[in-house]
Amino acid sequence: MIFRPITEIYQFFWMLESHHHQRLAWKDANMAREARKRAEAQAETQRRAMLEAHPSGKLGDSQLNDLDALKRSGLL
């Protein structure tokens, strides 16, 4: 009787709230995808720089903070 309109109003506002939270979840997921792309690009850049500095994968004659290798790789 009187409870039905109150319940419908409550369900309407609950629906609006759930839609709001769904949009926030989509936004968070999008931001996470963008952050993952940036992290993967940075890791790939670091991997290329390491391979350029040490093509054989060994650390024989390596130098820490080799400016020439960093400049060639585009990190400086």
N, C-alpha and C. Protein backbone atom coordinates (compact mmCIF):
# COMPACT_ATOMS: atom_id res chain seq x y z
N MET A 1 0.82 -1.18 0.00
CA MET A 1 0.00 0.00 0.00
C MET A 1 0.87 1.25 0.00
N ILE A 2 1.16 1.79 1.16
CA ILE A 2 2.01 2.99 1.21
C ILE A 2 3.48 2.61 1.05
N PHE A 3 3.79 1.35 1.32
CA PHE A 3 5.18 0.92 1.24
C PHE A 3 5.66 0.78 -0.21
N ARG A 4 4.75 0.51 -1.10
CA ARG A 4 5.15 0.30 -2.49
C ARG A 4 5.77 1.55 -3.12
N PRO A 5 5.14 2.74 -3.03
CA PRO A 5 5.79 3.93 -3.60
C PRO A 5 7.13 4.27 -2.93
N ILE A 6 7.19 4.05 -1.63
CA ILE A 6 8.44 4.32 -0.92
C ILE A 6 9.53 3.37 -1.40
N THR A 7 9.17 2.12 -1.57
CA THR A 7 10.13 1.13 -2.06
C THR A 7 10.58 1.46 -3.48
N GLU A 8 9.67 1.88 -4.34
CA GLU A 8 10.03 2.24 -5.71
C GLU A 8 10.96 3.45 -5.74
N ILE A 9 10.69 4.42 -4.90
CA ILE A 9 11.56 5.60 -4.83
C ILE A 9 12.95 5.19 -4.35
N TYR A 10 12.99 4.35 -3.32
CA TYR A 10 14.27 3.87 -2.80
C TYR A 10 15.04 3.11 -3.88
N GLN A 11 14.36 2.24 -4.60
CA GLN A 11 15.01 1.47 -5.66
C GLN A 11 15.52 2.37 -6.78
N PHE A 12 14.78 3.44 -7.09
CA PHE A 12 15.22 4.38 -8.12
C PHE A 12 16.53 5.05 -7.71
N PHE A 13 16.59 5.56 -6.46
CA PHE A 13 17.81 6.21 -6.01
C PHE A 13 18.96 5.21 -5.87
N TRP A 14 18.64 3.98 -5.48
CA TRP A 14 19.66 2.95 -5.40
C TRP A 14 20.22 2.66 -6.79
N MET A 15 19.37 2.65 -7.80
CA MET A 15 19.81 2.42 -9.17
C MET A 15 20.75 3.54 -9.63
N LEU A 16 20.38 4.79 -9.31
CA LEU A 16 21.26 5.92 -9.67
C LEU A 16 22.62 5.78 -9.01
N GLU A 17 22.62 5.41 -7.74
CA GLU A 17 23.88 5.24 -7.01
C GLU A 17 24.72 4.12 -7.62
N SER A 18 24.09 3.02 -7.96
CA SER A 18 24.85 1.90 -8.53
C SER A 18 25.41 2.27 -9.90
N HIS A 19 24.68 3.04 -10.68
CA HIS A 19 25.19 3.49 -11.98
C HIS A 19 26.39 4.41 -11.79
N HIS A 20 26.32 5.26 -10.78
CA HIS A 20 27.44 6.16 -10.48
C HIS A 20 28.69 5.35 -10.14
N HIS A 21 28.52 4.33 -9.30
CA HIS A 21 29.67 3.51 -8.92
C HIS A 21 30.19 2.70 -10.10
N GLN A 22 29.32 2.30 -10.98
CA GLN A 22 29.77 1.57 -12.18
C GLN A 22 30.61 2.48 -13.07
N ARG A 23 30.19 3.73 -13.22
CA ARG A 23 30.99 4.68 -14.02
C ARG A 23 32.34 4.93 -13.38
N LEU A 24 32.38 5.01 -12.04
CA LEU A 24 33.66 5.18 -11.36
C LEU A 24 34.56 3.96 -11.58
N ALA A 25 33.99 2.78 -11.58
CA ALA A 25 34.78 1.57 -11.81
C ALA A 25 35.35 1.57 -13.23
N TRP A 26 34.55 1.98 -14.20
CA TRP A 26 35.04 2.06 -15.58
C TRP A 26 36.19 3.06 -15.69
N LYS A 27 36.05 4.20 -15.01
CA LYS A 27 37.10 5.21 -15.04
C LYS A 27 38.38 4.67 -14.40
N ASP A 28 38.26 3.99 -13.26
CA ASP A 28 39.43 3.40 -12.61
C ASP A 28 40.10 2.36 -13.50
N ALA A 29 39.30 1.55 -14.17
CA ALA A 29 39.86 0.53 -15.05
C ALA A 29 40.61 1.17 -16.21
N ASN A 30 40.05 2.25 -16.74
CA ASN A 30 40.71 2.96 -17.84
C ASN A 30 42.04 3.56 -17.37
N MET A 31 42.05 4.14 -16.18
CA MET A 31 43.29 4.71 -15.65
C MET A 31 44.32 3.62 -15.41
N ALA A 32 43.88 2.45 -14.96
CA ALA A 32 44.81 1.33 -14.73
C ALA A 32 45.40 0.84 -16.05
N ARG A 33 44.57 0.79 -17.11
CA ARG A 33 45.09 0.38 -18.42
C ARG A 33 46.14 1.37 -18.92
N GLU A 34 45.88 2.66 -18.75
CA GLU A 34 46.85 3.67 -19.19
C GLU A 34 48.14 3.57 -18.39
N ALA A 35 48.04 3.37 -17.08
CA ALA A 35 49.24 3.23 -16.25
C ALA A 35 50.03 1.99 -16.64
N ARG A 36 49.33 0.92 -16.97
CA ARG A 36 50.02 -0.30 -17.40
C ARG A 36 50.76 -0.07 -18.72
N LYS A 37 50.12 0.65 -19.65
CA LYS A 37 50.79 0.94 -20.93
C LYS A 37 52.05 1.76 -20.70
N ARG A 38 51.97 2.77 -19.82
CA ARG A 38 53.15 3.59 -19.52
C ARG A 38 54.25 2.76 -18.89
N ALA A 39 53.88 1.89 -17.95
CA ALA A 39 54.88 1.05 -17.28
C ALA A 39 55.53 0.09 -18.26
N GLU A 40 54.73 -0.49 -19.15
CA GLU A 40 55.30 -1.41 -20.14
C GLU A 40 56.23 -0.68 -21.11
N ALA A 41 55.87 0.54 -21.50
CA ALA A 41 56.74 1.32 -22.39
C ALA A 41 58.05 1.67 -21.69
N GLN A 42 57.97 2.03 -20.42
CA GLN A 42 59.18 2.36 -19.68
C GLN A 42 60.06 1.12 -19.51
N ALA A 43 59.45 -0.02 -19.24
CA ALA A 43 60.23 -1.25 -19.10
C ALA A 43 60.89 -1.63 -20.41
N GLU A 44 60.19 -1.44 -21.52
CA GLU A 44 60.77 -1.74 -22.83
C GLU A 44 61.95 -0.81 -23.12
N THR A 45 61.82 0.46 -22.77
CA THR A 45 62.92 1.41 -22.96
C THR A 45 64.12 1.01 -22.13
N GLN A 46 63.89 0.62 -20.90
CA GLN A 46 64.99 0.17 -20.04
C GLN A 46 65.63 -1.10 -20.58
N ARG A 47 64.82 -2.02 -21.08
CA ARG A 47 65.35 -3.26 -21.64
C ARG A 47 66.24 -2.97 -22.83
N ARG A 48 65.77 -2.06 -23.74
CA ARG A 48 66.58 -1.72 -24.91
C ARG A 48 67.88 -1.05 -24.49
N ALA A 49 67.82 -0.18 -23.49
CA ALA A 49 69.04 0.50 -23.02
C ALA A 49 70.02 -0.51 -22.42
N MET A 50 69.50 -1.48 -21.69
CA MET A 50 70.39 -2.50 -21.11
C MET A 50 71.01 -3.35 -22.20
N LEU A 51 70.24 -3.72 -23.22
CA LEU A 51 70.80 -4.51 -24.31
C LEU A 51 71.83 -3.71 -25.11
N GLU A 52 71.58 -2.43 -25.25
CA GLU A 52 72.55 -1.60 -25.98
C GLU A 52 73.84 -1.45 -25.18
N ALA A 53 73.70 -1.29 -23.87
CA ALA A 53 74.89 -1.14 -23.03
C ALA A 53 75.66 -2.45 -22.93
N HIS A 54 74.95 -3.58 -22.95
CA HIS A 54 75.57 -4.89 -22.80
C HIS A 54 74.93 -5.86 -23.80
N PRO A 55 75.32 -5.78 -25.08
CA PRO A 55 74.66 -6.60 -26.09
C PRO A 55 74.75 -8.10 -25.84
N SER A 56 75.82 -8.54 -25.23
CA SER A 56 75.97 -9.98 -25.02
C SER A 56 75.18 -10.45 -23.82
N GLY A 57 74.71 -9.52 -23.01
CA GLY A 57 73.99 -9.89 -21.80
C GLY A 57 74.90 -10.15 -20.63
N LYS A 58 76.19 -10.00 -20.86
CA LYS A 58 77.15 -10.20 -19.77
C LYS A 58 77.54 -8.84 -19.22
N LEU A 59 78.05 -8.84 -18.02
CA LEU A 59 78.42 -7.59 -17.36
C LEU A 59 79.93 -7.37 -17.35
N GLY A 60 80.65 -7.92 -18.29
CA GLY A 60 82.10 -7.86 -18.31
C GLY A 60 82.70 -6.48 -18.11
N ASP A 61 82.59 -5.59 -19.10
CA ASP A 61 83.22 -4.28 -19.03
C ASP A 61 82.18 -3.18 -18.78
N SER A 62 81.17 -3.48 -18.05
CA SER A 62 80.10 -2.50 -17.86
C SER A 62 80.51 -1.38 -16.92
N GLN A 63 79.85 -0.25 -17.09
CA GLN A 63 80.06 0.90 -16.23
C GLN A 63 78.71 1.35 -15.70
N LEU A 64 78.71 1.78 -14.48
CA LEU A 64 77.50 2.32 -13.90
C LEU A 64 77.33 3.76 -14.37
N ASN A 65 76.13 4.12 -14.81
CA ASN A 65 75.83 5.46 -15.30
C ASN A 65 76.71 5.86 -16.48
N ASP A 66 76.83 4.99 -17.46
CA ASP A 66 77.59 5.27 -18.68
C ASP A 66 76.82 6.32 -19.49
N LEU A 67 77.30 7.55 -19.49
CA LEU A 67 76.57 8.65 -20.13
C LEU A 67 76.42 8.45 -21.63
N ASP A 68 77.43 7.91 -22.29
CA ASP A 68 77.32 7.70 -23.73
C ASP A 68 76.22 6.71 -24.07
N ALA A 69 76.16 5.61 -23.34
CA ALA A 69 75.12 4.61 -23.59
C ALA A 69 73.74 5.17 -23.26
N LEU A 70 73.64 5.96 -22.21
CA LEU A 70 72.35 6.56 -21.85
C LEU A 70 71.90 7.56 -22.90
N LYS A 71 72.83 8.34 -23.45
CA LYS A 71 72.47 9.30 -24.50
C LYS A 71 72.05 8.58 -25.78
N ARG A 72 72.77 7.52 -26.15
CA ARG A 72 72.41 6.77 -27.35
C ARG A 72 71.04 6.12 -27.23
N SER A 73 70.69 5.69 -26.03
CA SER A 73 69.40 5.02 -25.84
C SER A 73 68.25 6.02 -25.74
N GLY A 74 68.57 7.30 -25.60
CA GLY A 74 67.52 8.31 -25.52
C GLY A 74 67.03 8.57 -24.11
N LEU A 75 67.70 8.02 -23.12
CA LEU A 75 67.29 8.25 -21.75
C LEU A 75 67.78 9.57 -21.19
N LEU A 76 68.77 10.17 -21.84
CA LEU A 76 69.26 11.50 -21.43
C LEU A 76 69.08 12.48 -22.56
